[in-house]
Protein backbone atom coordinates (compact mmCIF):
# COMPACT_ATOMS: atom_id res chain seq x y z
CA MET A 1 -15.41 -5.37 29.39
CA LYS A 2 -17.35 -7.94 27.92
CA LYS A 3 -19.00 -5.29 25.39
CA ILE A 4 -16.29 -3.80 24.32
CA LYS A 5 -14.63 -7.35 23.50
CA LEU A 6 -18.65 -8.05 22.11
CA LEU A 7 -17.43 -4.81 19.80
CA VAL A 8 -14.46 -5.89 18.35
CA LEU A 9 -15.21 -9.09 17.21
CA PRO A 10 -17.99 -8.12 14.92
CA LEU A 11 -15.17 -5.12 13.29
CA THR A 12 -12.59 -7.73 13.30
CA LEU A 13 -14.91 -9.96 11.56
CA THR A 14 -15.87 -7.41 8.94
CA LEU A 15 -12.23 -6.00 8.48
CA GLY A 16 -10.99 -9.48 7.97
CA VAL A 17 -13.76 -10.02 5.29
CA GLY A 18 -13.16 -6.53 3.98
CA PHE A 19 -9.43 -7.12 3.06
CA ALA A 20 -9.60 -10.19 1.54
CA SER A 21 -12.11 -8.84 -0.47
CA MET A 22 -9.80 -5.45 -1.23
CA ALA A 23 -7.19 -7.75 -3.11
CA SER A 24 -9.66 -8.86 -5.68
CA ALA A 25 -11.64 -6.00 -5.81
CA ALA A 26 -8.75 -2.97 -5.78
CA GLY A 27 -5.95 -4.77 -7.26
CA ASN A 28 -4.10 -7.15 -5.73
CA ASP A 29 0.09 -4.96 -4.49
CA CYS A 30 0.24 -3.68 -1.45
CA ASN A 31 0.14 -0.07 -3.18
CA ALA A 32 -3.63 -0.94 -3.89
CA LYS A 33 -4.23 -2.39 -0.82
CA ARG A 34 -2.73 0.77 1.28
CA VAL A 35 -5.30 3.22 -1.14
CA THR A 36 -8.20 0.80 -0.47
CA ILE A 37 -7.52 0.83 3.60
CA GLU A 38 -6.90 4.78 3.31
CA ASN A 39 -9.67 5.38 1.72
CA GLN A 40 -12.19 3.37 4.32
CA ILE A 41 -10.19 5.51 6.99
CA THR A 42 -11.46 8.85 6.00
CA ILE A 43 -14.93 7.37 5.34
CA ALA A 44 -14.52 6.05 8.99
CA GLN A 45 -13.31 9.83 10.01
CA GLN A 46 -15.90 10.86 8.72
CA HIS A 47 -18.57 9.00 9.90
CA GLY A 48 -16.71 9.80 13.70
CA ASN A 49 -16.65 5.73 14.04
CA THR A 50 -13.75 5.69 16.19
CA HIS A 51 -13.83 1.71 16.26
CA GLU A 52 -13.49 1.08 12.64
CA LEU A 53 -10.91 3.63 12.67
CA ALA A 54 -8.71 1.70 14.87
CA GLY A 55 -8.56 -1.46 13.22
CA LEU A 56 -8.27 0.26 10.12
CA GLN A 57 -4.91 2.37 11.44
CA LYS A 58 -3.51 -1.26 12.68
CA ALA A 59 -4.33 -2.75 9.71
CA LEU A 60 -2.66 0.01 7.45
CA SER A 61 0.68 -0.33 10.07
CA GLU A 62 0.44 -4.13 9.52
CA LEU A 63 0.78 -3.22 5.98
CA ASN A 64 3.15 -0.40 5.77
CA ALA A 65 5.23 -2.98 7.80
CA HIS A 66 4.67 -6.46 6.47
CA CYS A 67 3.16 -5.90 2.63
CA THR A 68 5.74 -6.36 -0.71
CA ASN A 69 4.92 -7.09 -4.00
CA SER A 70 7.84 -9.97 -3.96
CA GLY A 71 5.89 -11.11 -1.45
CA LEU A 72 2.66 -11.03 -2.66
CA VAL A 73 3.84 -12.78 -5.83
CA GLU A 74 5.25 -15.83 -3.95
CA LYS A 75 1.74 -16.20 -2.10
CA ALA A 76 0.17 -16.14 -5.44
CA GLN A 77 2.95 -18.38 -7.02
CA LYS A 78 2.30 -21.01 -4.31
CA LYS A 79 -1.24 -20.99 -4.59
CA VAL A 80 -1.37 -21.51 -8.27
CA SER A 81 0.73 -24.31 -7.39
CA LYS A 82 -1.37 -25.61 -4.83
CA LEU A 83 -4.63 -25.47 -7.54
CA GLU A 84 -2.46 -27.12 -9.84
CA LYS A 85 -2.07 -29.98 -7.85
CA LYS A 86 -6.02 -30.19 -6.97
CA ILE A 87 -6.20 -30.38 -10.44
CA ARG A 88 -4.19 -32.86 -11.39
CA GLU A 89 -5.45 -35.32 -7.84
CA LYS A 90 -8.95 -34.97 -9.73
CA GLN A 91 -7.84 -36.02 -12.86
CA ALA A 92 -6.76 -39.14 -11.43
CA ASP A 93 -9.49 -39.33 -9.50
CA VAL A 94 -11.82 -39.16 -12.62
CA GLN A 95 -9.66 -41.44 -14.98
CA GLU A 96 -10.12 -44.09 -11.88
CA LEU A 97 -13.77 -43.27 -11.91
CA GLN A 98 -13.88 -44.00 -15.61
CA ALA A 99 -12.15 -47.15 -14.94
CA ASP A 100 -14.64 -47.90 -12.49
CA LEU A 101 -17.22 -47.33 -14.84
CA THR A 102 -16.53 -49.28 -17.75
CA GLU A 103 -16.33 -52.23 -15.34
CA ALA A 104 -19.34 -52.04 -13.99
CA GLN A 105 -20.90 -51.64 -17.38
CA SER A 106 -19.47 -54.79 -18.68
CA ARG A 107 -20.68 -56.39 -15.93
CA GLY A 108 -24.39 -54.69 -16.50
CA LYS A 109 -24.28 -53.38 -12.47
CA THR A 110 -27.01 -50.61 -13.41
CA ASP A 111 -26.63 -49.46 -10.16
CA LYS A 112 -22.72 -49.02 -10.04
CA ILE A 113 -22.75 -47.54 -13.31
CA ALA A 114 -25.29 -44.56 -12.04
CA LYS A 115 -23.06 -44.35 -8.80
CA TYR A 116 -19.51 -43.99 -10.91
CA GLU A 117 -21.69 -41.39 -13.75
CA ARG A 118 -22.70 -38.75 -11.09
CA LYS A 119 -19.27 -39.32 -8.80
CA ILE A 120 -17.43 -38.51 -12.25
CA ALA A 121 -19.64 -35.69 -12.99
CA GLU A 122 -19.18 -34.04 -9.43
CA LYS A 123 -15.37 -34.68 -10.50
CA ASN A 124 -15.65 -32.73 -13.20
CA ALA A 125 -17.62 -29.79 -11.48
CA ASP A 126 -14.84 -29.66 -9.34
CA ILE A 127 -12.14 -29.54 -11.95
CA LYS A 128 -14.11 -26.30 -13.56
CA ASP A 129 -14.51 -24.23 -10.20
CA ILE A 130 -11.19 -25.15 -9.34
CA THR A 131 -9.97 -23.85 -13.03
CA ASN A 132 -11.73 -21.25 -12.74
CA GLU A 133 -10.30 -20.40 -9.76
CA LEU A 134 -7.13 -21.22 -11.12
CA ASN A 135 -7.30 -19.08 -13.85
CA LEU A 136 -8.12 -16.25 -11.43
CA VAL A 137 -5.12 -16.49 -9.51
CA GLN A 138 -3.11 -16.62 -12.63
CA ALA A 139 -4.45 -13.97 -13.85
CA GLU A 140 -3.71 -11.82 -10.36
CA LEU A 141 0.16 -13.10 -10.04
CA ALA A 142 0.15 -11.53 -13.81
CA ALA A 143 -0.33 -8.18 -12.77
CA LEU A 144 1.79 -8.45 -9.96
CA LYS A 145 4.75 -9.48 -11.98
CA SER A 146 3.84 -6.73 -14.44
């Protein structure tokens, strides 16, 4: 019994990672996901991989039962809102740090100046990363809506 569990866990992890990348690689709508899974099923059948085949068939039935394009649009819209909120929060942090930096500069505290400059640079890098992610999600959302 333990051997079966040990075989199922890596398969589950592999499928989970595969599905996460599948959405962006093959398009983000239900039909694109369905086609990708069906192609993987064909490959698993050709190679006689019964464990992977069973997992893929289950994934396909779950997809058929639960995946709707309107659900994907709603999920993408929520992610856009979440990322926009994160950007606003990081920008507020930068403004606060900028005020702290100005105060440290006026007092001539070089150790604090370096600290705040480093923190501002980190927050700005975070904002850039989140903005890039936001742009990707917005592109996916636009593709789903078209």
